[in-house]
């Protein structure tokens, strides 16, 4: 699932169009449902369950026994996995500035 804050509505549609072959047919939807009278906080869409996405997940997430959850890890061969554009998209989605570095 991809979820983006309301401030980035255009960006979630960009991602949905970029990944549309891997997505369910549903376009990005607001959350919470505006029909329930609450303000929209974010937009989201779902990807399909595909072997290629499972493989990607296993490359990027490792099971942490101590916390009983998956933890994102950066693969050592990241330069073989991501183009410059894909790295920029990843940073825009998950990154943050930490001193003079990206966290």
PDB file of N, CA and C in Angstrom:
ATOM      1  N   UNK A   1       0.843  -1.178   0.000  1.00  0.00           N
ATOM      2  CA  UNK A   1       0.000   0.000   0.000  1.00  0.00           C
ATOM      3  C   UNK A   1       0.888   1.241   0.000  1.00  0.00           C
ATOM      4  N   UNK A   2       0.519   2.227  -0.783  1.00  0.00           N
ATOM      5  CA  UNK A   2       1.154   3.541  -0.786  1.00  0.00           C
ATOM      6  C   UNK A   2       0.184   4.508  -0.125  1.00  0.00           C
ATOM      7  N   UNK A   3       0.683   5.321   0.791  1.00  0.00           N
ATOM      8  CA  UNK A   3      -0.140   6.352   1.423  1.00  0.00           C
ATOM      9  C   UNK A   3       0.665   7.645   1.476  1.00  0.00           C
ATOM     10  N   UNK A   4       0.020   8.732   1.103  1.00  0.00           N
ATOM     11  CA  UNK A   4       0.667  10.043   1.036  1.00  0.00           C
ATOM     12  C   UNK A   4      -0.248  11.071   1.690  1.00  0.00           C
ATOM     13  N   UNK A   5       0.344  12.030   2.391  1.00  0.00           N
ATOM     14  CA  UNK A   5      -0.455  13.057   3.044  1.00  0.00           C
ATOM     15  C   UNK A   5      -1.248  13.877   2.033  1.00  0.00           C
ATOM     16  N   UNK A   6      -2.249  14.519   2.516  1.00  0.00           N
ATOM     17  CA  UNK A   6      -3.142  15.325   1.675  1.00  0.00           C
ATOM     18  C   UNK A   6      -2.365  16.381   0.891  1.00  0.00           C
ATOM     19  N   UNK A   7      -1.302  16.915   1.470  1.00  0.00           N
ATOM     20  CA  UNK A   7      -0.511  17.953   0.800  1.00  0.00           C
ATOM     21  C   UNK A   7       0.143  17.455  -0.478  1.00  0.00           C
ATOM     22  N   UNK A   8       0.255  16.140  -0.645  1.00  0.00           N
ATOM     23  CA  UNK A   8       0.947  15.560  -1.803  1.00  0.00           C
ATOM     24  C   UNK A   8      -0.010  14.785  -2.705  1.00  0.00           C
ATOM     25  N   UNK A   9      -1.230  15.273  -2.844  1.00  0.00           N
ATOM     26  CA  UNK A   9      -2.240  14.572  -3.639  1.00  0.00           C
ATOM     27  C   UNK A   9      -1.766  14.347  -5.080  1.00  0.00           C
ATOM     28  N   UNK A  10      -1.162  15.336  -5.709  1.00  0.00           N
ATOM     29  CA  UNK A  10      -0.694  15.176  -7.080  1.00  0.00           C
ATOM     30  C   UNK A  10       0.395  14.114  -7.160  1.00  0.00           C
ATOM     31  N   UNK A  11       1.233  14.060  -6.146  1.00  0.00           N
ATOM     32  CA  UNK A  11       2.331  13.085  -6.128  1.00  0.00           C
ATOM     33  C   UNK A  11       1.808  11.652  -6.050  1.00  0.00           C
ATOM     34  N   UNK A  12       0.773  11.405  -5.263  1.00  0.00           N
ATOM     35  CA  UNK A  12       0.247  10.037  -5.176  1.00  0.00           C
ATOM     36  C   UNK A  12      -0.337   9.604  -6.512  1.00  0.00           C
ATOM     37  N   UNK A  13      -0.946  10.527  -7.252  1.00  0.00           N
ATOM     38  CA  UNK A  13      -1.441  10.184  -8.588  1.00  0.00           C
ATOM     39  C   UNK A  13      -0.273   9.918  -9.538  1.00  0.00           C
ATOM     40  N   UNK A  14       0.810  10.662  -9.386  1.00  0.00           N
ATOM     41  CA  UNK A  14       2.018  10.403 -10.180  1.00  0.00           C
ATOM     42  C   UNK A  14       2.529   8.991  -9.906  1.00  0.00           C
ATOM     43  N   UNK A  15       2.629   8.624  -8.624  1.00  0.00           N
ATOM     44  CA  UNK A  15       3.089   7.278  -8.280  1.00  0.00           C
ATOM     45  C   UNK A  15       2.140   6.209  -8.793  1.00  0.00           C
ATOM     46  N   UNK A  16       0.847   6.446  -8.656  1.00  0.00           N
ATOM     47  CA  UNK A  16      -0.134   5.470  -9.114  1.00  0.00           C
ATOM     48  C   UNK A  16      -0.006   5.252 -10.623  1.00  0.00           C
ATOM     49  N   UNK A  17       0.160   6.331 -11.375  1.00  0.00           N
ATOM     50  CA  UNK A  17       0.351   6.189 -12.821  1.00  0.00           C
ATOM     51  C   UNK A  17       1.655   5.474 -13.144  1.00  0.00           C
ATOM     52  N   UNK A  18       2.700   5.766 -12.396  1.00  0.00           N
ATOM     53  CA  UNK A  18       4.004   5.139 -12.604  1.00  0.00           C
ATOM     54  C   UNK A  18       3.943   3.634 -12.348  1.00  0.00           C
ATOM     55  N   UNK A  19       3.260   3.240 -11.285  1.00  0.00           N
ATOM     56  CA  UNK A  19       3.198   1.838 -10.886  1.00  0.00           C
ATOM     57  C   UNK A  19       1.895   1.147 -11.297  1.00  0.00           C
ATOM     58  N   UNK A  20       1.083   1.784 -12.131  1.00  0.00           N
ATOM     59  CA  UNK A  20      -0.247   1.248 -12.434  1.00  0.00           C
ATOM     60  C   UNK A  20      -0.260  -0.207 -12.902  1.00  0.00           C
ATOM     61  N   UNK A  21       0.741  -0.693 -13.660  1.00  0.00           N
ATOM     62  CA  UNK A  21       0.699  -2.117 -14.027  1.00  0.00           C
ATOM     63  C   UNK A  21       0.798  -3.058 -12.809  1.00  0.00           C
ATOM     64  N   UNK A  22       1.313  -2.546 -11.704  1.00  0.00           N
ATOM     65  CA  UNK A  22       1.469  -3.359 -10.492  1.00  0.00           C
ATOM     66  C   UNK A  22       0.358  -3.108  -9.477  1.00  0.00           C
ATOM     67  N   UNK A  23      -0.605  -2.260  -9.830  1.00  0.00           N
ATOM     68  CA  UNK A  23      -1.635  -1.837  -8.878  1.00  0.00           C
ATOM     69  C   UNK A  23      -2.977  -2.495  -9.148  1.00  0.00           C
ATOM     70  N   UNK A  24      -3.809  -2.457  -8.123  1.00  0.00           N
ATOM     71  CA  UNK A  24      -5.195  -2.844  -8.317  1.00  0.00           C
ATOM     72  C   UNK A  24      -5.836  -1.786  -9.211  1.00  0.00           C
ATOM     73  N   UNK A  25      -7.006  -2.031  -9.658  1.00  0.00           N
ATOM     74  CA  UNK A  25      -7.654  -1.099 -10.590  1.00  0.00           C
ATOM     75  C   UNK A  25      -8.135   0.177  -9.919  1.00  0.00           C
ATOM     76  N   UNK A  26      -8.170   0.181  -8.606  1.00  0.00           N
ATOM     77  CA  UNK A  26      -8.688   1.327  -7.874  1.00  0.00           C
ATOM     78  C   UNK A  26      -7.694   2.480  -7.874  1.00  0.00           C
ATOM     79  N   UNK A  27      -8.151   3.651  -8.283  1.00  0.00           N
ATOM     80  CA  UNK A  27      -7.323   4.856  -8.231  1.00  0.00           C
ATOM     81  C   UNK A  27      -7.116   5.258  -6.771  1.00  0.00           C
ATOM     82  N   UNK A  28      -6.165   6.162  -6.507  1.00  0.00           N
ATOM     83  CA  UNK A  28      -5.967   6.619  -5.132  1.00  0.00           C
ATOM     84  C   UNK A  28      -7.268   7.104  -4.503  1.00  0.00           C
ATOM     85  N   UNK A  29      -7.441   6.730  -3.238  1.00  0.00           N
ATOM     86  CA  UNK A  29      -8.665   7.080  -2.511  1.00  0.00           C
ATOM     87  C   UNK A  29      -8.324   7.907  -1.278  1.00  0.00           C
ATOM     88  N   UNK A  30      -9.240   8.769  -0.878  1.00  0.00           N
ATOM     89  CA  UNK A  30      -9.004   9.574   0.326  1.00  0.00           C
ATOM     90  C   UNK A  30      -9.235   8.751   1.586  1.00  0.00           C
ATOM     91  N   UNK A  31      -8.490   9.119   2.643  1.00  0.00           N
ATOM     92  CA  UNK A  31      -8.687   8.525   3.966  1.00  0.00           C
ATOM     93  C   UNK A  31      -8.681   9.629   5.003  1.00  0.00           C
ATOM     94  N   UNK A  32      -9.554   9.635   5.952  1.00  0.00           N
ATOM     95  CA  UNK A  32     -10.723   8.769   6.038  1.00  0.00           C
ATOM     96  C   UNK A  32     -11.725   9.092   4.936  1.00  0.00           C
ATOM     97  N   UNK A  33     -12.680   8.214   4.774  1.00  0.00           N
ATOM     98  CA  UNK A  33     -13.707   8.373   3.751  1.00  0.00           C
ATOM     99  C   UNK A  33     -14.445   9.696   3.986  1.00  0.00           C
ATOM    100  N   UNK A  34     -14.442  10.596   2.993  1.00  0.00           N
ATOM    101  CA  UNK A  34     -15.096  11.903   3.193  1.00  0.00           C
ATOM    102  C   UNK A  34     -16.605  11.779   3.440  1.00  0.00           C
ATOM    103  N   UNK A  35     -17.200  10.667   3.067  1.00  0.00           N
ATOM    104  CA  UNK A  35     -18.638  10.463   3.308  1.00  0.00           C
ATOM    105  C   UNK A  35     -18.954  10.304   4.796  1.00  0.00           C
ATOM    106  N   UNK A  36     -17.936  10.101   5.606  1.00  0.00           N
ATOM    107  CA  UNK A  36     -18.147   9.940   7.050  1.00  0.00           C
ATOM    108  C   UNK A  36     -18.012  11.264   7.799  1.00  0.00           C
ATOM    109  N   UNK A  37     -17.845  12.369   7.055  1.00  0.00           N
ATOM    110  CA  UNK A  37     -17.834  13.692   7.664  1.00  0.00           C
ATOM    111  C   UNK A  37     -16.524  14.099   8.299  1.00  0.00           C
ATOM    112  N   UNK A  38     -15.463  13.314   8.125  1.00  0.00           N
ATOM    113  CA  UNK A  38     -14.161  13.668   8.702  1.00  0.00           C
ATOM    114  C   UNK A  38     -13.278  14.270   7.626  1.00  0.00           C
ATOM    115  N   UNK A  39     -12.347  15.143   8.008  1.00  0.00           N
ATOM    116  CA  UNK A  39     -11.465  15.748   7.004  1.00  0.00           C
ATOM    117  C   UNK A  39     -10.499  14.705   6.427  1.00  0.00           C
ATOM    118  N   UNK A  40     -10.210  14.841   5.141  1.00  0.00           N
ATOM    119  CA  UNK A  40      -9.274  13.933   4.473  1.00  0.00           C
ATOM    120  C   UNK A  40      -7.863  14.236   4.962  1.00  0.00           C
ATOM    121  N   UNK A  41      -7.138  13.205   5.380  1.00  0.00           N
ATOM    122  CA  UNK A  41      -5.777  13.357   5.874  1.00  0.00           C
ATOM    123  C   UNK A  41      -4.735  12.849   4.887  1.00  0.00           C
ATOM    124  N   UNK A  42      -5.115  11.851   4.099  1.00  0.00           N
ATOM    125  CA  UNK A  42      -4.169  11.285   3.147  1.00  0.00           C
ATOM    126  C   UNK A  42      -4.907  10.583   2.013  1.00  0.00           C
ATOM    127  N   UNK A  43      -4.138  10.196   0.989  1.00  0.00           N
ATOM    128  CA  UNK A  43      -4.636   9.395  -0.118  1.00  0.00           C
ATOM    129  C   UNK A  43      -3.823   8.115  -0.163  1.00  0.00           C
ATOM    130  N   UNK A  44      -4.448   7.035  -0.616  1.00  0.00           N
ATOM    131  CA  UNK A  44      -3.750   5.754  -0.656  1.00  0.00           C
ATOM    132  C   UNK A  44      -4.216   4.929  -1.846  1.00  0.00           C
ATOM    133  N   UNK A  45      -3.382   3.944  -2.215  1.00  0.00           N
ATOM    134  CA  UNK A  45      -3.766   2.936  -3.193  1.00  0.00           C
ATOM    135  C   UNK A  45      -3.015   1.656  -2.876  1.00  0.00           C
ATOM    136  N   UNK A  46      -3.489   0.558  -3.447  1.00  0.00           N
ATOM    137  CA  UNK A  46      -2.906  -0.750  -3.186  1.00  0.00           C
ATOM    138  C   UNK A  46      -2.221  -1.319  -4.419  1.00  0.00           C
ATOM    139  N   UNK A  47      -1.144  -2.055  -4.191  1.00  0.00           N
ATOM    140  CA  UNK A  47      -0.525  -2.825  -5.257  1.00  0.00           C
ATOM    141  C   UNK A  47      -1.110  -4.234  -5.237  1.00  0.00           C
ATOM    142  N   UNK A  48      -0.902  -4.934  -6.331  1.00  0.00           N
ATOM    143  CA  UNK A  48      -1.307  -6.329  -6.414  1.00  0.00           C
ATOM    144  C   UNK A  48      -0.306  -7.173  -5.629  1.00  0.00           C
ATOM    145  N   UNK A  49      -0.688  -8.403  -5.306  1.00  0.00           N
ATOM    146  CA  UNK A  49       0.248  -9.362  -4.708  1.00  0.00           C
ATOM    147  C   UNK A  49       0.931 -10.084  -5.862  1.00  0.00           C
ATOM    148  N   UNK A  50       2.168  -9.726  -6.110  1.00  0.00           N
ATOM    149  CA  UNK A  50       2.915 -10.279  -7.234  1.00  0.00           C
ATOM    150  C   UNK A  50       4.270 -10.808  -6.766  1.00  0.00           C
ATOM    151  N   UNK A  51       4.770 -11.888  -7.374  1.00  0.00           N
ATOM    152  CA  UNK A  51       6.084 -12.425  -6.978  1.00  0.00           C
ATOM    153  C   UNK A  51       7.199 -11.389  -7.048  1.00  0.00           C
ATOM    154  N   UNK A  52       7.184 -10.504  -8.049  1.00  0.00           N
ATOM    155  CA  UNK A  52       8.237  -9.504  -8.165  1.00  0.00           C
ATOM    156  C   UNK A  52       8.221  -8.548  -6.967  1.00  0.00           C
ATOM    157  N   UNK A  53       7.036  -8.217  -6.474  1.00  0.00           N
ATOM    158  CA  UNK A  53       6.949  -7.331  -5.308  1.00  0.00           C
ATOM    159  C   UNK A  53       7.358  -8.056  -4.032  1.00  0.00           C
ATOM    160  N   UNK A  54       7.045  -9.339  -3.947  1.00  0.00           N
ATOM    161  CA  UNK A  54       7.481 -10.138  -2.797  1.00  0.00           C
ATOM    162  C   UNK A  54       9.001 -10.214  -2.756  1.00  0.00           C
ATOM    163  N   UNK A  55       9.613 -10.404  -3.912  1.00  0.00           N
ATOM    164  CA  UNK A  55      11.081 -10.445  -3.985  1.00  0.00           C
ATOM    165  C   UNK A  55      11.679  -9.114  -3.539  1.00  0.00           C
ATOM    166  N   UNK A  56      11.081  -8.012  -4.003  1.00  0.00           N
ATOM    167  CA  UNK A  56      11.563  -6.693  -3.590  1.00  0.00           C
ATOM    168  C   UNK A  56      11.423  -6.522  -2.079  1.00  0.00           C
ATOM    169  N   UNK A  57      10.285  -6.940  -1.533  1.00  0.00           N
ATOM    170  CA  UNK A  57      10.061  -6.839  -0.098  1.00  0.00           C
ATOM    171  C   UNK A  57      11.152  -7.582   0.670  1.00  0.00           C
ATOM    172  N   UNK A  58      11.460  -8.803   0.235  1.00  0.00           N
ATOM    173  CA  UNK A  58      12.476  -9.607   0.931  1.00  0.00           C
ATOM    174  C   UNK A  58      13.865  -8.991   0.848  1.00  0.00           C
ATOM    175  N   UNK A  59      14.127  -8.225  -0.222  1.00  0.00           N
ATOM    176  CA  UNK A  59      15.415  -7.533  -0.330  1.00  0.00           C
ATOM    177  C   UNK A  59      15.516  -6.356   0.632  1.00  0.00           C
ATOM    178  N   UNK A  60      14.386  -5.738   0.928  1.00  0.00           N
ATOM    179  CA  UNK A  60      14.393  -4.488   1.686  1.00  0.00           C
ATOM    180  C   UNK A  60      13.953  -4.620   3.134  1.00  0.00           C
ATOM    181  N   UNK A  61      13.289  -5.709   3.494  1.00  0.00           N
ATOM    182  CA  UNK A  61      12.779  -5.870   4.856  1.00  0.00           C
ATOM    183  C   UNK A  61      13.256  -7.171   5.455  1.00  0.00           C
ATOM    184  N   UNK A  62      13.762  -7.100   6.680  1.00  0.00           N
ATOM    185  CA  UNK A  62      14.242  -8.279   7.403  1.00  0.00           C
ATOM    186  C   UNK A  62      13.453  -8.409   8.700  1.00  0.00           C
ATOM    187  N   UNK A  63      13.185  -9.657   9.071  1.00  0.00           N
ATOM    188  CA  UNK A  63      12.437  -9.922  10.293  1.00  0.00           C
ATOM    189  C   UNK A  63      13.317  -9.647  11.504  1.00  0.00           C
ATOM    190  N   UNK A  64      12.820  -8.835  12.422  1.00  0.00           N
ATOM    191  CA  UNK A  64      13.516  -8.512  13.672  1.00  0.00           C
ATOM    192  C   UNK A  64      12.881  -9.349  14.779  1.00  0.00           C
ATOM    193  N   UNK A  65      13.592 -10.373  15.220  1.00  0.00           N
ATOM    194  CA  UNK A  65      13.083 -11.278  16.262  1.00  0.00           C
ATOM    195  C   UNK A  65      12.793 -10.543  17.567  1.00  0.00           C
ATOM    196  N   UNK A  66      13.641  -9.585  17.921  1.00  0.00           N
ATOM    197  CA  UNK A  66      13.480  -8.876  19.196  1.00  0.00           C
ATOM    198  C   UNK A  66      12.192  -8.066  19.254  1.00  0.00           C
ATOM    199  N   UNK A  67      11.805  -7.479  18.119  1.00  0.00           N
ATOM    200  CA  UNK A  67      10.613  -6.630  18.083  1.00  0.00           C
ATOM    201  C   UNK A  67       9.422  -7.279  17.390  1.00  0.00           C
ATOM    202  N   UNK A  68       9.612  -8.491  16.894  1.00  0.00           N
ATOM    203  CA  UNK A  68       8.554  -9.245  16.199  1.00  0.00           C
ATOM    204  C   UNK A  68       7.905  -8.432  15.082  1.00  0.00           C
ATOM    205  N   UNK A  69       8.765  -7.850  14.243  1.00  0.00           N
ATOM    206  CA  UNK A  69       8.257  -7.099  13.099  1.00  0.00           C
ATOM    207  C   UNK A  69       9.343  -7.000  12.034  1.00  0.00           C
ATOM    208  N   UNK A  70       8.908  -6.656  10.815  1.00  0.00           N
ATOM    209  CA  UNK A  70       9.862  -6.434   9.742  1.00  0.00           C
ATOM    210  C   UNK A  70      10.454  -5.038   9.865  1.00  0.00           C
ATOM    211  N   UNK A  71      11.749  -4.933   9.585  1.00  0.00           N
ATOM    212  CA  UNK A  71      12.462  -3.665   9.653  1.00  0.00           C
ATOM    213  C   UNK A  71      13.102  -3.408   8.292  1.00  0.00           C
ATOM    214  N   UNK A  72      12.926  -2.183   7.791  1.00  0.00           N
ATOM    215  CA  UNK A  72      13.520  -1.835   6.505  1.00  0.00           C
ATOM    216  C   UNK A  72      15.035  -1.780   6.636  1.00  0.00           C
ATOM    217  N   UNK A  73      15.718  -2.403   5.685  1.00  0.00           N
ATOM    218  CA  UNK A  73      17.174  -2.358   5.615  1.00  0.00           C
ATOM    219  C   UNK A  73      17.563  -1.980   4.192  1.00  0.00           C
ATOM    220  N   UNK A  74      18.604  -1.225   4.053  1.00  0.00           N
ATOM    221  CA  UNK A  74      19.077  -0.844   2.722  1.00  0.00           C
ATOM    222  C   UNK A  74      20.000  -1.949   2.225  1.00  0.00           C
ATOM    223  N   UNK A  75      19.666  -2.571   1.093  1.00  0.00           N
ATOM    224  CA  UNK A  75      20.533  -3.625   0.552  1.00  0.00           C
ATOM    225  C   UNK A  75      21.912  -3.078   0.212  1.00  0.00           C
ATOM    226  N   UNK A  76      22.935  -3.900   0.392  1.00  0.00           N
ATOM    227  CA  UNK A  76      24.297  -3.470   0.094  1.00  0.00           C
ATOM    228  C   UNK A  76      24.486  -3.153  -1.383  1.00  0.00           C
ATOM    229  N   UNK A  77      23.684  -3.781  -2.235  1.00  0.00           N
ATOM    230  CA  UNK A  77      23.802  -3.548  -3.679  1.00  0.00           C
ATOM    231  C   UNK A  77      22.775  -2.532  -4.169  1.00  0.00           C
ATOM    232  N   UNK A  78      22.482  -1.524  -3.363  1.00  0.00           N
ATOM    233  CA  UNK A  78      21.450  -0.542  -3.708  1.00  0.00           C
ATOM    234  C   UNK A  78      21.721   0.131  -5.049  1.00  0.00           C
ATOM    235  N   UNK A  79      22.987   0.359  -5.376  1.00  0.00           N
ATOM    236  CA  UNK A  79      23.303   1.014  -6.650  1.00  0.00           C
ATOM    237  C   UNK A  79      22.947   0.139  -7.847  1.00  0.00           C
ATOM    238  N   UNK A  80      22.839  -1.172  -7.637  1.00  0.00           N
ATOM    239  CA  UNK A  80      22.405  -2.076  -8.707  1.00  0.00           C
ATOM    240  C   UNK A  80      20.887  -2.152  -8.799  1.00  0.00           C
ATOM    241  N   UNK A  81      20.199  -1.731  -7.751  1.00  0.00           N
ATOM    242  CA  UNK A  81      18.749  -1.883  -7.679  1.00  0.00           C
ATOM    243  C   UNK A  81      17.971  -0.641  -8.078  1.00  0.00           C
ATOM    244  N   UNK A  82      18.546   0.540  -7.840  1.00  0.00           N
ATOM    245  CA  UNK A  82      17.817   1.787  -8.071  1.00  0.00           C
ATOM    246  C   UNK A  82      18.552   2.701  -9.035  1.00  0.00           C
ATOM    247  N   UNK A  83      17.783   3.308  -9.935  1.00  0.00           N
ATOM    248  CA  UNK A  83      18.336   4.375 -10.766  1.00  0.00           C
ATOM    249  C   UNK A  83      18.351   5.656  -9.926  1.00  0.00           C
ATOM    250  N   UNK A  84      18.929   6.700 -10.443  1.00  0.00           N
ATOM    251  CA  UNK A  84      18.933   7.978  -9.721  1.00  0.00           C
ATOM    252  C   UNK A  84      17.511   8.469  -9.491  1.00  0.00           C
ATOM    253  N   UNK A  85      16.654   8.314 -10.476  1.00  0.00           N
ATOM    254  CA  UNK A  85      15.254   8.747 -10.348  1.00  0.00           C
ATOM    255  C   UNK A  85      14.541   7.932  -9.267  1.00  0.00           C
ATOM    256  N   UNK A  86      14.750   6.619  -9.276  1.00  0.00           N
ATOM    257  CA  UNK A  86      14.107   5.768  -8.270  1.00  0.00           C
ATOM    258  C   UNK A  86      14.608   6.095  -6.862  1.00  0.00           C
ATOM    259  N   UNK A  87      15.886   6.407  -6.748  1.00  0.00           N
ATOM    260  CA  UNK A  87      16.432   6.807  -5.447  1.00  0.00           C
ATOM    261  C   UNK A  87      15.784   8.109  -4.979  1.00  0.00           C
ATOM    262  N   UNK A  88      15.598   9.047  -5.890  1.00  0.00           N
ATOM    263  CA  UNK A  88      14.939  10.316  -5.540  1.00  0.00           C
ATOM    264  C   UNK A  88      13.506  10.069  -5.071  1.00  0.00           C
ATOM    265  N   UNK A  89      12.784   9.181  -5.757  1.00  0.00           N
ATOM    266  CA  UNK A  89      11.407   8.860  -5.354  1.00  0.00           C
ATOM    267  C   UNK A  89      11.403   8.226  -3.976  1.00  0.00           C
ATOM    268  N   UNK A  90      12.325   7.313  -3.731  1.00  0.00           N
ATOM    269  CA  UNK A  90      12.392   6.648  -2.423  1.00  0.00           C
ATOM    270  C   UNK A  90      12.658   7.676  -1.321  1.00  0.00           C
ATOM    271  N   UNK A  91      13.587   8.584  -1.563  1.00  0.00           N
ATOM    272  CA  UNK A  91      13.901   9.605  -0.554  1.00  0.00           C
ATOM    273  C   UNK A  91      12.690  10.511  -0.315  1.00  0.00           C
ATOM    274  N   UNK A  92      11.978  10.881  -1.383  1.00  0.00           N
ATOM    275  CA  UNK A  92      10.793  11.725  -1.212  1.00  0.00           C
ATOM    276  C   UNK A  92       9.716  11.007  -0.404  1.00  0.00           C
ATOM    277  N   UNK A  93       9.650   9.691  -0.530  1.00  0.00           N
ATOM    278  CA  UNK A  93       8.635   8.925   0.198  1.00  0.00           C
ATOM    279  C   UNK A  93       9.029   8.663   1.649  1.00  0.00           C
ATOM    280  N   UNK A  94      10.253   8.201   1.876  1.00  0.00           N
ATOM    281  CA  UNK A  94      10.657   7.726   3.201  1.00  0.00           C
ATOM    282  C   UNK A  94      11.784   8.515   3.846  1.00  0.00           C
ATOM    283  N   UNK A  95      12.428   9.379   3.096  1.00  0.00           N
ATOM    284  CA  UNK A  95      13.626  10.024   3.608  1.00  0.00           C
ATOM    285  C   UNK A  95      13.355  11.234   4.483  1.00  0.00           C
ATOM    286  N   UNK A  96      14.389  11.632   5.163  1.00  0.00           N
ATOM    287  CA  UNK A  96      14.352  12.849   5.977  1.00  0.00           C
ATOM    288  C   UNK A  96      15.776  13.359   6.121  1.00  0.00           C
ATOM    289  N   UNK A  97      15.919  14.643   6.373  1.00  0.00           N
ATOM    290  CA  UNK A  97      17.241  15.233   6.550  1.00  0.00           C
ATOM    291  C   UNK A  97      17.684  15.030   7.987  1.00  0.00           C
ATOM    292  N   UNK A  98      18.913  14.544   8.132  1.00  0.00           N
ATOM    293  CA  UNK A  98      19.504  14.326   9.456  1.00  0.00           C
ATOM    294  C   UNK A  98      20.895  14.945   9.410  1.00  0.00           C
ATOM    295  N   UNK A  99      21.054  16.109  10.035  1.00  0.00           N
ATOM    296  CA  UNK A  99      22.277  16.892   9.946  1.00  0.00           C
ATOM    297  C   UNK A  99      22.581  17.165   8.486  1.00  0.00           C
ATOM    298  N   UNK A 100      23.715  16.681   8.010  1.00  0.00           N
ATOM    299  CA  UNK A 100      24.093  16.869   6.606  1.00  0.00           C
ATOM    300  C   UNK A 100      23.915  15.595   5.785  1.00  0.00           C
ATOM    301  N   UNK A 101      23.007  14.735   6.221  1.00  0.00           N
ATOM    302  CA  UNK A 101      22.802  13.450   5.548  1.00  0.00           C
ATOM    303  C   UNK A 101      21.318  13.187   5.358  1.00  0.00           C
ATOM    304  N   UNK A 102      21.019  12.140   4.638  1.00  0.00           N
ATOM    305  CA  UNK A 102      19.638  11.683   4.466  1.00  0.00           C
ATOM    306  C   UNK A 102      19.467  10.463   5.343  1.00  0.00           C
ATOM    307  N   UNK A 103      18.373  10.472   6.114  1.00  0.00           N
ATOM    308  CA  UNK A 103      18.096   9.339   7.001  1.00  0.00           C
ATOM    309  C   UNK A 103      16.974   8.504   6.502  1.00  0.00           C
TER     310      UNK A 103
END
